[in-house]
Amino acid sequence: MSNYSKVTVADDARVELHDELGLTGAEISVNNLPAGASVPFVHSHKKNEEIYIILSGKGKAVVDGDTIELAKGDLIRIAPAGRRQFFAAADSGISYVCIQVKAGSLEEYTADDAVM
């Protein structure tokens, strides 16, 4: 077994990478909403925070009733209890990566976790 996994993602509406990459500490999805579309549900989590990275386009997130405008290059972190829903703009689709991890689980990062 090798120490890496690789997958190529097409322009599907949603691709979850947990199984494809053999992830053990996170879930990552790549999401594409066409202009005027939205995620068809509002949700929150029991334990996991989510980090969204906007790759292209524009739209908005509604979190606990607050509207956050989003565009390419924006990042947003949402706590587990935040009730969220995502929308593409009427005139533009939106593509984003969602990284889901257990809140409070990061013990070391970057150089602190590196072995040189």
C-alpha atoms as a PDB file:
ATOM      1  CA  MET A   1       0.000   0.000   0.000  1.00  0.00           C
ATOM      2  CA  SER A   2       1.377   3.418  -0.920  1.00  0.00           C
ATOM      3  CA  ASN A   3       1.521   6.551   1.227  1.00  0.00           C
ATOM      4  CA  TYR A   4      -0.690   8.600  -1.080  1.00  0.00           C
ATOM      5  CA  SER A   5      -4.018   8.576  -2.917  1.00  0.00           C
ATOM      6  CA  LYS A   6      -4.991  10.486  -6.056  1.00  0.00           C
ATOM      7  CA  VAL A   7      -8.334  11.060  -7.694  1.00  0.00           C
ATOM      8  CA  THR A   8      -9.461  13.306 -10.540  1.00  0.00           C
ATOM      9  CA  VAL A   9     -12.726  15.170 -10.043  1.00  0.00           C
ATOM     10  CA  ALA A  10     -14.962  16.061 -12.992  1.00  0.00           C
ATOM     11  CA  ASP A  11     -17.662  18.725 -13.003  1.00  0.00           C
ATOM     12  CA  ASP A  12     -20.211  16.533 -11.228  1.00  0.00           C
ATOM     13  CA  ALA A  13     -22.752  18.246  -8.990  1.00  0.00           C
ATOM     14  CA  ARG A  14     -21.116  16.737  -5.889  1.00  0.00           C
ATOM     15  CA  VAL A  15     -18.226  14.364  -5.319  1.00  0.00           C
ATOM     16  CA  GLU A  16     -17.437  13.055  -1.824  1.00  0.00           C
ATOM     17  CA  LEU A  17     -13.804  12.029  -1.449  1.00  0.00           C
ATOM     18  CA  HIS A  18     -13.779  10.088   1.851  1.00  0.00           C
ATOM     19  CA  ASP A  19     -13.798   6.660   0.233  1.00  0.00           C
ATOM     20  CA  GLU A  20     -11.992   7.600  -2.993  1.00  0.00           C
ATOM     21  CA  LEU A  21      -8.963   9.001  -1.115  1.00  0.00           C
ATOM     22  CA  GLY A  22      -9.134   6.718   1.929  1.00  0.00           C
ATOM     23  CA  LEU A  23      -9.467   9.694   4.277  1.00  0.00           C
ATOM     24  CA  THR A  24      -9.209   8.922   8.005  1.00  0.00           C
ATOM     25  CA  GLY A  25      -9.573  12.338   9.661  1.00  0.00           C
ATOM     26  CA  ALA A  26     -11.762  14.413   7.367  1.00  0.00           C
ATOM     27  CA  GLU A  27     -14.447  14.373   4.702  1.00  0.00           C
ATOM     28  CA  ILE A  28     -13.889  16.521   1.629  1.00  0.00           C
ATOM     29  CA  SER A  29     -16.434  17.172  -1.082  1.00  0.00           C
ATOM     30  CA  VAL A  30     -16.259  19.120  -4.332  1.00  0.00           C
ATOM     31  CA  ASN A  31     -19.549  20.860  -5.137  1.00  0.00           C
ATOM     32  CA  ASN A  32     -20.900  22.620  -8.234  1.00  0.00           C
ATOM     33  CA  LEU A  33     -24.202  24.498  -8.174  1.00  0.00           C
ATOM     34  CA  PRO A  34     -25.474  25.943 -11.462  1.00  0.00           C
ATOM     35  CA  ALA A  35     -26.804  29.510 -11.615  1.00  0.00           C
ATOM     36  CA  GLY A  36     -29.990  29.879  -9.566  1.00  0.00           C
ATOM     37  CA  ALA A  37     -29.623  26.503  -7.827  1.00  0.00           C
ATOM     38  CA  SER A  38     -29.247  25.763  -4.122  1.00  0.00           C
ATOM     39  CA  VAL A  39     -28.433  22.915  -1.801  1.00  0.00           C
ATOM     40  CA  PRO A  40     -31.954  21.529  -1.260  1.00  0.00           C
ATOM     41  CA  PHE A  41     -31.775  21.379   2.545  1.00  0.00           C
ATOM     42  CA  VAL A  42     -30.638  23.241   5.649  1.00  0.00           C
ATOM     43  CA  HIS A  43     -28.302  21.279   7.897  1.00  0.00           C
ATOM     44  CA  SER A  44     -25.993  21.375  10.884  1.00  0.00           C
ATOM     45  CA  HIS A  45     -23.673  18.804  12.429  1.00  0.00           C
ATOM     46  CA  LYS A  46     -23.289  17.060  15.782  1.00  0.00           C
ATOM     47  CA  LYS A  47     -19.464  17.161  15.971  1.00  0.00           C
ATOM     48  CA  ASN A  48     -17.985  18.430  12.720  1.00  0.00           C
ATOM     49  CA  GLU A  49     -17.088  21.954  11.659  1.00  0.00           C
ATOM     50  CA  GLU A  50     -16.948  22.709   7.943  1.00  0.00           C
ATOM     51  CA  ILE A  51     -14.554  24.868   5.964  1.00  0.00           C
ATOM     52  CA  TYR A  52     -15.759  26.025   2.557  1.00  0.00           C
ATOM     53  CA  ILE A  53     -13.334  27.231  -0.134  1.00  0.00           C
ATOM     54  CA  ILE A  54     -14.978  29.039  -3.055  1.00  0.00           C
ATOM     55  CA  LEU A  55     -13.217  27.986  -6.268  1.00  0.00           C
ATOM     56  CA  SER A  56     -15.263  29.917  -8.832  1.00  0.00           C
ATOM     57  CA  GLY A  57     -18.472  31.831  -9.349  1.00  0.00           C
ATOM     58  CA  LYS A  58     -20.563  33.543  -6.731  1.00  0.00           C
ATOM     59  CA  GLY A  59     -23.481  32.942  -4.416  1.00  0.00           C
ATOM     60  CA  LYS A  60     -24.327  33.045  -0.752  1.00  0.00           C
ATOM     61  CA  ALA A  61     -24.513  30.995   2.392  1.00  0.00           C
ATOM     62  CA  VAL A  62     -27.263  31.456   4.931  1.00  0.00           C
ATOM     63  CA  VAL A  63     -26.031  30.507   8.407  1.00  0.00           C
ATOM     64  CA  ASP A  64     -28.420  30.792  11.358  1.00  0.00           C
ATOM     65  CA  GLY A  65     -30.444  33.302   9.342  1.00  0.00           C
ATOM     66  CA  ASP A  66     -27.438  35.489   8.433  1.00  0.00           C
ATOM     67  CA  THR A  67     -26.672  35.902   4.726  1.00  0.00           C
ATOM     68  CA  ILE A  68     -22.991  35.786   3.745  1.00  0.00           C
ATOM     69  CA  GLU A  69     -22.154  36.787   0.160  1.00  0.00           C
ATOM     70  CA  LEU A  70     -19.509  34.517  -1.394  1.00  0.00           C
ATOM     71  CA  ALA A  71     -17.236  34.779  -4.440  1.00  0.00           C
ATOM     72  CA  LYS A  72     -14.132  33.120  -5.847  1.00  0.00           C
ATOM     73  CA  GLY A  73     -11.294  33.167  -3.301  1.00  0.00           C
ATOM     74  CA  ASP A  74     -13.521  33.402  -0.210  1.00  0.00           C
ATOM     75  CA  LEU A  75     -13.243  30.914   2.647  1.00  0.00           C
ATOM     76  CA  ILE A  76     -15.777  30.418   5.414  1.00  0.00           C
ATOM     77  CA  ARG A  77     -15.697  28.224   8.531  1.00  0.00           C
ATOM     78  CA  ILE A  78     -18.986  27.143  10.082  1.00  0.00           C
ATOM     79  CA  ALA A  79     -19.232  25.676  13.599  1.00  0.00           C
ATOM     80  CA  PRO A  80     -21.032  22.354  14.009  1.00  0.00           C
ATOM     81  CA  ALA A  81     -24.251  23.897  15.367  1.00  0.00           C
ATOM     82  CA  GLY A  82     -24.518  26.508  12.595  1.00  0.00           C
ATOM     83  CA  ARG A  83     -27.595  25.809  10.481  1.00  0.00           C
ATOM     84  CA  ARG A  84     -26.436  26.318   6.887  1.00  0.00           C
ATOM     85  CA  GLN A  85     -27.618  26.320   3.303  1.00  0.00           C
ATOM     86  CA  PHE A  86     -25.782  27.355   0.110  1.00  0.00           C
ATOM     87  CA  PHE A  87     -27.112  29.140  -2.972  1.00  0.00           C
ATOM     88  CA  ALA A  88     -25.631  29.997  -6.370  1.00  0.00           C
ATOM     89  CA  ALA A  89     -26.262  33.515  -7.654  1.00  0.00           C
ATOM     90  CA  ALA A  90     -29.076  33.945 -10.185  1.00  0.00           C
ATOM     91  CA  ASP A  91     -26.532  34.851 -12.885  1.00  0.00           C
ATOM     92  CA  SER A  92     -23.594  32.619 -11.897  1.00  0.00           C
ATOM     93  CA  GLY A  93     -22.923  29.111 -10.781  1.00  0.00           C
ATOM     94  CA  ILE A  94     -20.688  28.479  -7.780  1.00  0.00           C
ATOM     95  CA  SER A  95     -18.052  25.791  -7.240  1.00  0.00           C
ATOM     96  CA  TYR A  96     -16.602  25.060  -3.818  1.00  0.00           C
ATOM     97  CA  VAL A  97     -14.717  22.546  -1.740  1.00  0.00           C
ATOM     98  CA  CYS A  98     -16.118  21.588   1.664  1.00  0.00           C
ATOM     99  CA  ILE A  99     -13.747  20.156   4.269  1.00  0.00           C
ATOM    100  CA  GLN A 100     -15.475  18.550   7.251  1.00  0.00           C
ATOM    101  CA  VAL A 101     -13.454  17.787  10.386  1.00  0.00           C
ATOM    102  CA  LYS A 102     -14.198  17.094  14.034  1.00  0.00           C
ATOM    103  CA  ALA A 103     -14.264  20.425  15.884  1.00  0.00           C
ATOM    104  CA  GLY A 104     -11.466  20.767  18.440  1.00  0.00           C
ATOM    105  CA  SER A 105      -9.509  17.762  17.157  1.00  0.00           C
ATOM    106  CA  LEU A 106      -6.446  19.545  15.760  1.00  0.00           C
ATOM    107  CA  GLU A 107      -3.531  19.040  18.139  1.00  0.00           C
ATOM    108  CA  GLU A 108      -0.538  19.977  15.995  1.00  0.00           C
ATOM    109  CA  TYR A 109      -0.226  21.523  12.542  1.00  0.00           C
ATOM    110  CA  THR A 110       2.291  22.744   9.951  1.00  0.00           C
ATOM    111  CA  ALA A 111       5.848  22.696  11.406  1.00  0.00           C
ATOM    112  CA  ASP A 112       4.718  21.367  14.797  1.00  0.00           C
ATOM    113  CA  ASP A 113       3.503  18.171  13.116  1.00  0.00           C
ATOM    114  CA  ALA A 114       6.338  17.901  10.580  1.00  0.00           C
ATOM    115  CA  VAL A 115       9.087  15.271  10.742  1.00  0.00           C
ATOM    116  CA  MET A 116      12.310  16.598   9.231  1.00  0.00           C
END
